[in-house]
Amino acid sequence: MTRMIIVSVLGAASLSGCVNVSAPDKPIEINLNIKVTQDVVVRLDGEAKQVIQQNPGIF
């Protein structure tokens, strides 16, 4: 009986794998190329446009 337990423990130990985890030699590099654009659309009322044209020094 004890022989069977020892054999099963040794069998299980021989089937288990070994995993090695190590840090890489070079640092991990992540490149993020992000392009941000913004469009601004300005619409003026006809009357406001006339006031600006008549008084260009306001702005």
N, C-alpha and C. Protein backbone atom coordinates (compact mmCIF):
# COMPACT_ATOMS: atom_id res chain seq x y z
N MET A 1 0.82 -1.19 0.00
CA MET A 1 0.00 0.00 0.00
C MET A 1 0.86 1.26 0.00
N THR A 2 1.85 1.32 0.90
CA THR A 2 2.72 2.50 0.93
C THR A 2 3.57 2.57 -0.32
N ARG A 3 3.89 1.38 -0.87
CA ARG A 3 4.65 1.38 -2.11
C ARG A 3 3.84 2.01 -3.23
N MET A 4 2.55 1.75 -3.26
CA MET A 4 1.68 2.31 -4.28
C MET A 4 1.60 3.83 -4.15
N ILE A 5 1.55 4.33 -2.94
CA ILE A 5 1.49 5.77 -2.70
C ILE A 5 2.80 6.43 -3.14
N ILE A 6 3.92 5.82 -2.81
CA ILE A 6 5.22 6.37 -3.20
C ILE A 6 5.36 6.39 -4.71
N VAL A 7 4.94 5.31 -5.37
CA VAL A 7 5.02 5.23 -6.84
C VAL A 7 4.13 6.29 -7.47
N SER A 8 2.93 6.48 -6.94
CA SER A 8 2.02 7.48 -7.51
C SER A 8 2.55 8.90 -7.28
N VAL A 9 3.16 9.16 -6.13
CA VAL A 9 3.74 10.49 -5.87
C VAL A 9 4.92 10.73 -6.80
N LEU A 10 5.79 9.75 -6.97
CA LEU A 10 6.93 9.90 -7.88
C LEU A 10 6.46 10.05 -9.33
N GLY A 11 5.42 9.34 -9.69
CA GLY A 11 4.87 9.45 -11.05
C GLY A 11 4.29 10.82 -11.30
N ALA A 12 3.57 11.34 -10.32
CA ALA A 12 2.99 12.68 -10.46
C ALA A 12 4.08 13.74 -10.52
N ALA A 13 5.14 13.55 -9.74
CA ALA A 13 6.24 14.51 -9.73
C ALA A 13 6.97 14.50 -11.07
N SER A 14 7.07 13.33 -11.69
CA SER A 14 7.79 13.26 -12.96
C SER A 14 6.95 13.84 -14.09
N LEU A 15 5.62 13.87 -13.95
CA LEU A 15 4.75 14.42 -14.99
C LEU A 15 4.60 15.93 -14.89
N SER A 16 4.85 16.50 -13.73
CA SER A 16 4.67 17.94 -13.57
C SER A 16 5.80 18.67 -14.29
N GLY A 17 5.46 19.76 -14.94
CA GLY A 17 6.45 20.54 -15.69
C GLY A 17 7.10 21.59 -14.83
N CYS A 18 8.14 22.15 -15.36
CA CYS A 18 8.85 23.22 -14.66
C CYS A 18 8.69 24.50 -15.48
N VAL A 19 8.27 25.56 -14.86
CA VAL A 19 8.05 26.83 -15.55
C VAL A 19 9.06 27.84 -15.03
N ASN A 20 9.82 28.44 -15.95
CA ASN A 20 10.78 29.48 -15.59
C ASN A 20 10.28 30.82 -16.12
N VAL A 21 10.23 31.81 -15.26
CA VAL A 21 9.84 33.16 -15.66
C VAL A 21 11.00 34.08 -15.38
N SER A 22 11.45 34.80 -16.42
CA SER A 22 12.57 35.72 -16.22
C SER A 22 12.27 37.03 -16.93
N ALA A 23 12.87 38.08 -16.44
CA ALA A 23 12.68 39.41 -17.03
C ALA A 23 13.47 39.50 -18.33
N PRO A 24 12.95 40.28 -19.31
CA PRO A 24 13.68 40.43 -20.57
C PRO A 24 14.96 41.24 -20.38
N ASP A 25 15.90 41.03 -21.31
CA ASP A 25 17.18 41.77 -21.24
C ASP A 25 16.98 43.25 -21.57
N LYS A 26 16.11 43.53 -22.53
CA LYS A 26 15.88 44.92 -22.95
C LYS A 26 14.54 45.39 -22.39
N PRO A 27 14.40 46.69 -22.15
CA PRO A 27 13.12 47.18 -21.64
C PRO A 27 12.03 47.06 -22.72
N ILE A 28 10.80 46.92 -22.27
CA ILE A 28 9.66 46.83 -23.17
C ILE A 28 9.38 48.23 -23.71
N GLU A 29 9.24 48.34 -25.02
CA GLU A 29 9.00 49.64 -25.65
C GLU A 29 7.63 49.63 -26.29
N ILE A 30 6.82 50.64 -25.95
CA ILE A 30 5.47 50.76 -26.51
C ILE A 30 5.41 52.08 -27.26
N ASN A 31 5.13 52.01 -28.55
CA ASN A 31 5.01 53.21 -29.37
C ASN A 31 3.54 53.52 -29.59
N LEU A 32 3.12 54.71 -29.20
CA LEU A 32 1.75 55.16 -29.42
C LEU A 32 1.80 56.38 -30.33
N ASN A 33 1.39 56.20 -31.55
CA ASN A 33 1.33 57.31 -32.49
C ASN A 33 -0.12 57.81 -32.53
N ILE A 34 -0.32 58.96 -31.92
CA ILE A 34 -1.67 59.52 -31.82
C ILE A 34 -1.70 60.87 -32.52
N LYS A 35 -2.66 61.03 -33.40
CA LYS A 35 -2.82 62.31 -34.08
C LYS A 35 -4.18 62.88 -33.69
N VAL A 36 -4.15 64.08 -33.15
CA VAL A 36 -5.38 64.74 -32.71
C VAL A 36 -5.59 65.97 -33.58
N THR A 37 -6.73 66.03 -34.23
CA THR A 37 -7.07 67.20 -35.04
C THR A 37 -8.41 67.75 -34.56
N GLN A 38 -8.56 69.03 -34.74
CA GLN A 38 -9.80 69.66 -34.33
C GLN A 38 -10.21 70.66 -35.40
N ASP A 39 -11.45 70.61 -35.78
CA ASP A 39 -12.00 71.55 -36.75
C ASP A 39 -13.01 72.44 -36.03
N VAL A 40 -12.88 73.74 -36.25
CA VAL A 40 -13.80 74.70 -35.64
C VAL A 40 -14.57 75.37 -36.77
N VAL A 41 -15.86 75.26 -36.70
CA VAL A 41 -16.72 75.86 -37.71
C VAL A 41 -17.47 77.00 -37.05
N VAL A 42 -17.35 78.20 -37.65
CA VAL A 42 -18.02 79.38 -37.11
C VAL A 42 -19.02 79.86 -38.16
N ARG A 43 -20.26 79.97 -37.74
CA ARG A 43 -21.30 80.49 -38.62
C ARG A 43 -21.86 81.75 -37.99
N LEU A 44 -21.94 82.78 -38.79
CA LEU A 44 -22.44 84.06 -38.28
C LEU A 44 -23.80 84.37 -38.88
N ASP A 45 -24.61 84.98 -38.09
CA ASP A 45 -25.88 85.48 -38.56
C ASP A 45 -25.61 86.62 -39.54
N GLY A 46 -26.48 86.81 -40.51
CA GLY A 46 -26.28 87.84 -41.53
C GLY A 46 -26.09 89.24 -40.94
N GLU A 47 -26.87 89.56 -39.93
CA GLU A 47 -26.77 90.89 -39.30
C GLU A 47 -25.44 91.05 -38.58
N ALA A 48 -24.99 90.02 -37.88
CA ALA A 48 -23.71 90.08 -37.18
C ALA A 48 -22.58 90.22 -38.19
N LYS A 49 -22.69 89.54 -39.31
CA LYS A 49 -21.66 89.63 -40.35
C LYS A 49 -21.57 91.06 -40.90
N GLN A 50 -22.72 91.69 -41.10
CA GLN A 50 -22.72 93.08 -41.59
C GLN A 50 -22.10 94.03 -40.56
N VAL A 51 -22.39 93.84 -39.29
CA VAL A 51 -21.83 94.70 -38.24
C VAL A 51 -20.31 94.55 -38.21
N ILE A 52 -19.80 93.34 -38.36
CA ILE A 52 -18.36 93.13 -38.35
C ILE A 52 -17.72 93.76 -39.58
N GLN A 53 -18.37 93.66 -40.73
CA GLN A 53 -17.83 94.27 -41.95
C GLN A 53 -17.84 95.79 -41.86
N GLN A 54 -18.86 96.36 -41.22
CA GLN A 54 -18.94 97.81 -41.09
C GLN A 54 -17.95 98.34 -40.04
N ASN A 55 -17.60 97.52 -39.05
CA ASN A 55 -16.69 97.91 -37.98
C ASN A 55 -15.55 96.91 -37.88
N PRO A 56 -14.59 96.94 -38.81
CA PRO A 56 -13.52 95.94 -38.77
C PRO A 56 -12.58 96.08 -37.58
N GLY A 57 -12.58 97.20 -36.92
CA GLY A 57 -11.68 97.40 -35.77
C GLY A 57 -12.20 96.78 -34.47
N ILE A 58 -13.41 96.24 -34.49
CA ILE A 58 -13.99 95.67 -33.28
C ILE A 58 -13.18 94.46 -32.82
N PHE A 59 -12.77 93.63 -33.78
CA PHE A 59 -12.05 92.41 -33.42
C PHE A 59 -10.61 92.57 -33.72
